[in-house]
Protein backbone atom coordinates (compact mmCIF):
# COMPACT_ATOMS: atom_id res chain seq x y z
CA UNK A 1 77.24 78.65 238.71
CA UNK A 2 76.94 82.41 238.16
CA UNK A 3 80.67 82.72 238.78
CA UNK A 4 81.46 80.15 236.11
CA UNK A 5 79.11 81.89 233.65
CA UNK A 6 80.67 85.29 234.36
CA UNK A 7 84.14 83.86 233.96
CA UNK A 8 83.13 82.38 230.59
CA UNK A 9 81.73 85.70 229.45
CA UNK A 10 84.98 87.48 230.29
CA UNK A 11 86.95 84.82 228.45
CA UNK A 12 84.79 85.16 225.32
CA UNK A 13 85.04 88.95 225.52
CA UNK A 14 88.82 88.67 225.85
CA UNK A 15 89.05 86.46 222.78
CA UNK A 16 86.71 88.78 220.92
CA UNK A 17 88.87 91.77 221.76
CA UNK A 18 91.97 89.87 220.77
CA UNK A 19 90.28 88.82 217.55
CA UNK A 20 89.21 92.37 216.75
CA UNK A 21 92.69 93.62 217.53
CA UNK A 22 94.23 91.03 215.25
CA UNK A 23 91.76 91.89 212.48
CA UNK A 24 92.54 95.58 212.91
CA UNK A 25 96.27 94.81 212.90
CA UNK A 26 95.92 92.69 209.76
CA UNK A 27 93.82 95.39 208.12
CA UNK A 28 96.37 98.02 209.13
CA UNK A 29 99.24 95.92 207.81
CA UNK A 30 97.29 95.32 204.60
CA UNK A 31 96.58 99.02 204.13
CA UNK A 32 100.20 99.84 204.95
CA UNK A 33 101.44 97.14 202.56
CA UNK A 34 99.16 98.35 199.77
CA UNK A 35 100.35 101.91 200.39
CA UNK A 36 103.99 100.82 200.27
CA UNK A 37 103.33 98.73 197.17
CA UNK A 38 101.70 101.70 195.42
CA UNK A 39 104.58 103.99 196.38
CA UNK A 40 107.02 101.54 194.84
CA UNK A 41 105.21 99.86 191.95
CA UNK A 42 102.23 102.01 190.94
CA UNK A 43 102.71 103.93 187.69
CA UNK A 44 103.80 107.44 188.66
CA UNK A 45 105.16 109.05 185.51
CA UNK A 46 103.12 111.59 183.54
CA UNK A 47 103.88 110.27 180.07
CA UNK A 48 101.11 109.51 177.54
CA UNK A 49 100.95 106.06 175.98
CA UNK A 50 103.47 105.30 173.21
CA UNK A 51 105.49 108.42 173.97
CA UNK A 52 108.71 109.31 175.78
CA UNK A 53 109.41 112.20 178.12
CA UNK A 54 112.98 113.29 178.79
CA UNK A 55 114.32 114.31 182.17
CA UNK A 56 117.40 116.56 181.88
CA UNK A 57 119.66 116.65 184.94
CA UNK A 58 122.43 119.28 184.59
CA UNK A 59 125.99 118.63 185.77
CA UNK A 60 126.47 119.43 189.46
CA UNK A 61 122.83 118.78 190.36
CA UNK A 62 121.92 117.48 193.80
CA UNK A 63 118.81 115.57 194.85
CA UNK A 64 116.85 118.73 195.72
CA UNK A 65 117.63 120.08 192.23
CA UNK A 66 116.29 116.88 190.67
CA UNK A 67 113.08 117.17 192.69
CA UNK A 68 112.68 120.81 191.60
CA UNK A 69 113.15 119.82 187.94
CA UNK A 70 110.58 117.03 188.32
CA UNK A 71 108.08 119.44 189.89
CA UNK A 72 108.63 122.26 187.39
CA UNK A 73 108.29 119.95 184.41
CA UNK A 74 105.41 117.91 185.88
CA UNK A 75 107.22 114.66 185.24
CA UNK A 76 105.71 112.51 188.02
CA UNK A 77 102.19 112.48 189.42
CA UNK A 78 103.00 111.93 193.11
CA UNK A 79 106.22 113.75 193.99
CA UNK A 80 106.12 112.83 197.69
CA UNK A 81 106.07 109.09 196.95
CA UNK A 82 109.01 109.57 194.56
CA UNK A 83 110.97 111.42 197.27
CA UNK A 84 110.16 108.75 199.87
CA UNK A 85 111.41 105.87 197.76
CA UNK A 86 114.39 107.84 196.43
CA UNK A 87 115.56 108.49 199.97
CA UNK A 88 115.00 104.87 200.97
CA UNK A 89 117.04 103.70 197.96
CA UNK A 90 119.82 106.21 198.74
CA UNK A 91 119.39 108.00 195.42
CA UNK A 92 120.42 111.40 196.93
CA UNK A 93 123.97 110.02 197.10
CA UNK A 94 123.87 108.70 193.53
CA UNK A 95 122.68 111.64 191.41
CA UNK A 96 124.18 111.54 187.90
CA UNK A 97 123.70 114.23 185.26
CA UNK A 98 122.30 113.41 181.85
CA UNK A 99 119.24 112.97 179.68
CA UNK A 100 116.94 110.18 180.83
CA UNK A 101 114.10 108.69 178.82
CA UNK A 102 110.94 108.08 180.88
CA UNK A 103 108.40 105.68 179.40
CA UNK A 104 104.64 105.42 179.84
CA UNK A 105 103.54 103.67 183.07
CA UNK A 106 106.99 103.65 184.68
CA UNK A 107 106.79 103.38 188.47
CA UNK A 108 108.94 105.06 191.10
CA UNK A 109 111.15 102.00 191.44
CA UNK A 110 111.87 101.93 187.70
CA UNK A 111 112.49 105.68 187.54
CA UNK A 112 114.88 105.69 190.49
CA UNK A 113 116.73 102.60 189.26
CA UNK A 114 117.22 104.34 185.91
CA UNK A 115 118.47 107.57 187.49
CA UNK A 116 120.74 105.75 189.96
CA UNK A 117 122.31 103.74 187.16
CA UNK A 118 123.28 106.86 185.19
CA UNK A 119 122.07 105.06 182.07
CA UNK A 120 121.11 108.11 180.07
CA UNK A 121 119.70 108.37 176.56
CA UNK A 122 122.11 109.82 173.97
CA UNK A 123 121.11 112.77 171.80
CA UNK A 124 121.59 112.98 168.05
CA UNK A 125 123.70 116.05 167.37
CA UNK A 126 123.30 117.41 163.85
CA UNK A 127 125.03 120.36 162.26
CA UNK A 128 125.39 121.49 158.67
CA UNK A 129 125.29 124.71 156.63
CA UNK A 130 127.51 126.44 159.21
CA UNK A 131 129.66 129.44 158.35
CA UNK A 132 131.23 130.64 161.60
CA UNK A 133 132.41 129.29 164.95
CA UNK A 134 129.79 131.41 166.67
CA UNK A 135 127.03 129.95 164.52
CA UNK A 136 128.29 126.44 165.24
CA UNK A 137 128.39 127.14 168.98
CA UNK A 138 124.80 128.36 168.88
CA UNK A 139 123.64 125.30 166.96
CA UNK A 140 125.42 122.83 169.25
CA UNK A 141 124.31 124.59 172.45
CA UNK A 142 120.71 123.81 171.50
CA UNK A 143 121.49 120.09 171.47
CA UNK A 144 123.83 119.46 174.43
CA UNK A 145 124.27 120.95 177.90
CA UNK A 146 127.34 123.08 177.06
CA UNK A 147 126.28 126.68 176.39
CA UNK A 148 127.34 128.71 173.36
CA UNK A 149 129.71 130.93 175.36
CA UNK A 150 131.72 128.00 176.72
CA UNK A 151 131.85 126.47 173.24
CA UNK A 152 133.09 129.70 171.62
CA UNK A 153 135.76 130.07 174.31
CA UNK A 154 137.09 126.59 173.54
CA UNK A 155 136.88 127.15 169.77
CA UNK A 156 139.04 130.28 170.16
CA UNK A 157 141.46 128.98 172.77
CA UNK A 158 144.94 129.21 171.24
CA UNK A 159 146.45 126.47 173.41
CA UNK A 160 143.65 124.04 172.55
CA UNK A 161 143.90 124.90 168.86
CA UNK A 162 147.67 124.31 168.95
CA UNK A 163 147.25 121.08 170.92
CA UNK A 164 145.19 119.59 168.08
CA UNK A 165 147.66 120.74 165.43
CA UNK A 166 145.63 123.52 163.83
CA UNK A 167 145.83 127.29 163.41
CA UNK A 168 143.06 129.70 164.43
CA UNK A 169 142.15 130.09 160.74
CA UNK A 170 141.89 126.33 160.15
CA UNK A 171 140.44 125.08 163.44
CA UNK A 172 136.96 124.71 161.95
CA UNK A 173 138.41 121.92 159.79
CA UNK A 174 138.02 119.67 162.82
CA UNK A 175 134.23 119.80 162.49
CA UNK A 176 132.91 117.41 159.85
CA UNK A 177 129.15 117.98 159.40
CA UNK A 178 127.16 114.84 160.08
CA UNK A 179 124.83 113.25 162.64
CA UNK A 180 126.54 112.10 165.82
CA UNK A 181 125.39 110.54 169.08
CA UNK A 182 126.46 112.45 172.20
CA UNK A 183 125.67 112.33 175.89
CA UNK A 184 123.55 115.38 176.60
CA UNK A 185 125.82 116.51 179.47
CA UNK A 186 128.88 116.72 177.16
CA UNK A 187 131.13 119.68 177.99
CA UNK A 188 132.57 122.14 175.47
CA UNK A 189 136.00 120.51 175.58
CA UNK A 190 134.36 117.09 175.44
CA UNK A 191 132.62 118.13 172.23
CA UNK A 192 135.93 119.16 170.64
CA UNK A 193 137.63 115.94 171.75
CA UNK A 194 134.90 113.89 170.13
CA UNK A 195 135.02 115.97 166.93
CA UNK A 196 138.76 115.43 166.67
CA UNK A 197 138.21 111.66 166.83
CA UNK A 198 135.58 111.96 164.10
CA UNK A 199 137.95 114.10 162.04
CA UNK A 200 140.64 111.41 162.19
CA UNK A 201 138.06 108.74 161.43
CA UNK A 202 136.86 110.71 158.40
CA UNK A 203 140.34 111.12 156.96
CA UNK A 204 140.84 107.53 155.88
CA UNK A 205 143.98 106.36 154.12
CA UNK A 206 142.08 106.59 150.84
CA UNK A 207 141.08 110.22 151.38
CA UNK A 208 144.57 111.14 152.56
CA UNK A 209 146.07 109.53 149.46
CA UNK A 210 143.77 111.54 147.20
CA UNK A 211 144.67 114.77 149.00
CA UNK A 212 148.37 113.97 148.67
CA UNK A 213 147.92 113.33 144.94
CA UNK A 214 146.51 116.86 144.68
CA UNK A 215 149.47 118.17 146.66
CA UNK A 216 147.00 119.42 149.28
CA UNK A 217 146.74 118.88 153.02
CA UNK A 218 143.40 117.88 154.56
CA UNK A 219 143.06 121.50 155.72
CA UNK A 220 143.66 122.70 152.16
CA UNK A 221 141.03 120.31 150.84
CA UNK A 222 138.50 121.52 153.40
CA UNK A 223 139.34 125.15 152.62
CA UNK A 224 138.74 124.59 148.91
CA UNK A 225 135.62 122.56 149.68
CA UNK A 226 134.22 125.49 151.67
CA UNK A 227 134.49 127.63 148.53
CA UNK A 228 132.91 124.93 146.36
CA UNK A 229 130.08 124.57 148.87
CA UNK A 230 129.34 128.29 148.66
CA UNK A 231 129.58 128.40 144.86
CA UNK A 232 126.92 125.87 143.99
CA UNK A 233 123.65 124.66 145.43
CA UNK A 234 123.80 121.26 143.78
CA UNK A 235 125.92 118.24 144.62
CA UNK A 236 125.95 117.11 141.00
CA UNK A 237 127.85 120.28 140.01
CA UNK A 238 130.39 120.27 142.83
CA UNK A 239 133.02 118.10 141.16
CA UNK A 240 132.93 120.27 138.06
CA UNK A 241 133.35 123.47 140.08
CA UNK A 242 136.14 121.85 142.09
CA UNK A 243 137.85 120.97 138.81
CA UNK A 244 137.91 124.65 137.78
CA UNK A 245 139.67 125.65 140.99
CA UNK A 246 142.14 122.76 140.77
CA UNK A 247 142.98 123.89 137.23
CA UNK A 248 143.51 127.46 138.45
CA UNK A 249 145.73 126.38 141.32
CA UNK A 250 147.89 124.37 138.95
CA UNK A 251 148.21 127.26 136.51
CA UNK A 252 149.04 129.71 139.33
CA UNK A 253 145.98 131.78 138.48
CA UNK A 254 144.03 133.77 141.03
CA UNK A 255 141.08 131.73 142.26
CA UNK A 256 138.85 134.83 141.99
CA UNK A 257 136.21 133.15 144.17
CA UNK A 258 133.38 135.52 145.02
CA UNK A 259 132.48 133.68 148.27
CA UNK A 260 135.92 134.56 149.68
CA UNK A 261 135.12 138.25 149.16
CA UNK A 262 131.80 137.84 150.93
CA UNK A 263 133.63 136.17 153.81
CA UNK A 264 136.19 138.99 153.96
CA UNK A 265 133.38 141.56 153.94
CA UNK A 266 131.37 139.59 156.50
CA UNK A 267 128.32 139.69 154.26
CA UNK A 268 127.12 136.49 152.57
CA UNK A 269 123.89 138.17 151.48
CA UNK A 270 125.67 139.93 148.60
CA UNK A 271 124.21 138.72 145.31
CA UNK A 272 126.25 140.91 143.01
CA UNK A 273 130.01 141.24 143.52
CA UNK A 274 131.19 144.69 142.45
CA UNK A 275 134.62 146.08 141.58
CA UNK A 276 134.74 147.89 144.92
CA UNK A 277 134.34 144.54 146.73
CA UNK A 278 137.40 143.20 144.91
CA UNK A 279 139.57 145.93 146.41
CA UNK A 280 139.16 144.83 150.03
CA UNK A 281 142.47 144.39 151.82
CA UNK A 282 142.17 140.88 153.20
CA UNK A 283 144.16 137.63 152.94
CA UNK A 284 140.82 136.07 151.98
CA UNK A 285 140.58 138.24 148.87
CA UNK A 286 141.38 135.64 146.20
CA UNK A 287 141.22 138.34 143.51
CA UNK A 288 144.37 139.87 145.02
CA UNK A 289 146.16 136.90 146.54
CA UNK A 290 147.25 133.72 144.81
CA UNK A 291 146.43 130.29 146.11
CA UNK A 292 144.00 129.26 148.80
CA UNK A 293 142.84 131.64 151.55
CA UNK A 294 144.25 131.12 155.08
CA UNK A 295 141.43 128.80 156.05
CA UNK A 296 137.87 127.68 155.33
CA UNK A 297 135.22 130.35 154.77
CA UNK A 298 132.58 127.95 156.15
CA UNK A 299 132.28 124.42 157.46
CA UNK A 300 131.81 122.50 154.19
CA UNK A 301 129.65 119.45 153.69
CA UNK A 302 131.09 115.99 153.23
CA UNK A 303 129.76 116.12 149.68
CA UNK A 304 131.89 119.19 148.96
CA UNK A 305 135.01 117.67 150.54
CA UNK A 306 134.63 114.50 148.50
CA UNK A 307 133.92 116.59 145.40
CA UNK A 308 137.35 118.20 145.77
CA UNK A 309 139.04 114.85 146.33
CA UNK A 310 137.21 113.42 143.33
CA UNK A 311 137.19 116.55 141.18
CA UNK A 312 136.13 116.37 137.57
CA UNK A 313 139.05 116.47 135.18
CA UNK A 314 138.38 118.98 132.40
CA UNK A 315 139.90 122.09 130.79
CA UNK A 316 137.49 124.69 132.16
CA UNK A 317 139.01 127.72 133.86
CA UNK A 318 135.90 129.84 134.34
CA UNK A 319 132.28 129.51 135.35
CA UNK A 320 129.41 131.95 135.76
CA UNK A 321 125.87 131.60 137.10
CA UNK A 322 123.25 130.94 134.45
CA UNK A 323 121.03 133.95 133.71
CA UNK A 324 117.90 131.88 134.34
CA UNK A 325 118.82 131.88 138.07
CA UNK A 326 118.53 128.10 138.16
CA UNK A 327 121.47 127.85 140.54
CA UNK A 328 123.56 126.09 137.93
CA UNK A 329 126.51 127.56 136.01
CA UNK A 330 127.89 127.96 132.52
CA UNK A 331 131.50 126.77 132.22
CA UNK A 332 134.07 128.06 129.75
CA UNK A 333 137.67 127.38 128.77
CA UNK A 334 138.51 130.90 127.56
CA UNK A 335 138.20 134.34 129.08
CA UNK A 336 136.38 135.65 126.00
CA UNK A 337 133.64 133.04 126.34
CA UNK A 338 133.47 133.68 130.08
CA UNK A 339 132.98 137.40 129.48
CA UNK A 340 130.03 136.63 127.21
CA UNK A 341 128.48 134.44 129.94
CA UNK A 342 129.20 137.11 132.56
CA UNK A 343 127.49 139.86 130.50
CA UNK A 344 124.39 137.71 130.08
CA UNK A 345 124.23 137.13 133.81
CA UNK A 346 124.77 140.84 134.56
CA UNK A 347 121.93 141.71 132.20
CA UNK A 348 119.68 139.27 134.03
CA UNK A 349 120.62 140.94 137.34
CA UNK A 350 119.86 144.34 135.86
CA UNK A 351 116.48 143.13 134.65
CA UNK A 352 115.62 141.94 138.14
CA UNK A 353 116.98 145.20 139.60
CA UNK A 354 119.55 143.36 141.68
CA UNK A 355 122.28 145.92 142.21
CA UNK A 356 124.00 144.41 145.23
């Protein structure tokens, strides 16, 4: 009887141990499963609600570089869980450069799927009011991955300039100021390639026909537009100013455009053009040389380009800034009337003690 009782006790103890083991195993599996679930699906991105945080991965980056960028910029909360899942999803072999938009409450799985796909967010590249290639390079370098040095090298590369059918003096014609969508990791040459496509898209058959009617090439139009852009602050005056220069070109008169002197002197801060400035030996000195200068003196706005193509037809040959410093101009048909306007403006400069 005692033997049977003892045997029963051992059997119950065995089942109890088995039961406890199974409970412990289930608990362990549950904890492990919850841990795995959290690593994969728990929100792990440090982005406030209703906002976006951008992850920039430079060209040539490897997985360790991505992890360093994530750490340095505090992009995810739990870096180790991100690394674990990334390695399990083979992301280290699928690192793509670019600009990636991370949303509020994204989990590791969503982040890694986004990065693995290479589906980056484009950037809006904007440039306007640009005078030089160097200034353009600096502006663009702040918006895409290509640095200003690489951009300047491409802008000044003779073989590239020739390939696109331009001259060094006219290469800036390729850049039409506007807002464009680019991939952040665009290279310097990639930027130029895209700008050339936009240049060709801009020069529609209608615009080309208008340029031809003026007996001007697109580069000529842009060169004249760069002068018009520098001459007036207001779009509503551009066509009138353009009309003056068209009239001068047709009469074989010197353009006598002060902005071309400022360009030749390398000083756009000059407010008062003096006789000494007009003596500078430069092909951009339109007081000495007939016709248009060799190329644009800035990258003109679309408004200025269209103002040249749609110039106002009138008989004015001269214009001078109004003495009230409003930014607008007085226009005249004769030199005598122009000289009167010029004296009034000079007197206003004297009154304000503007000597240069």
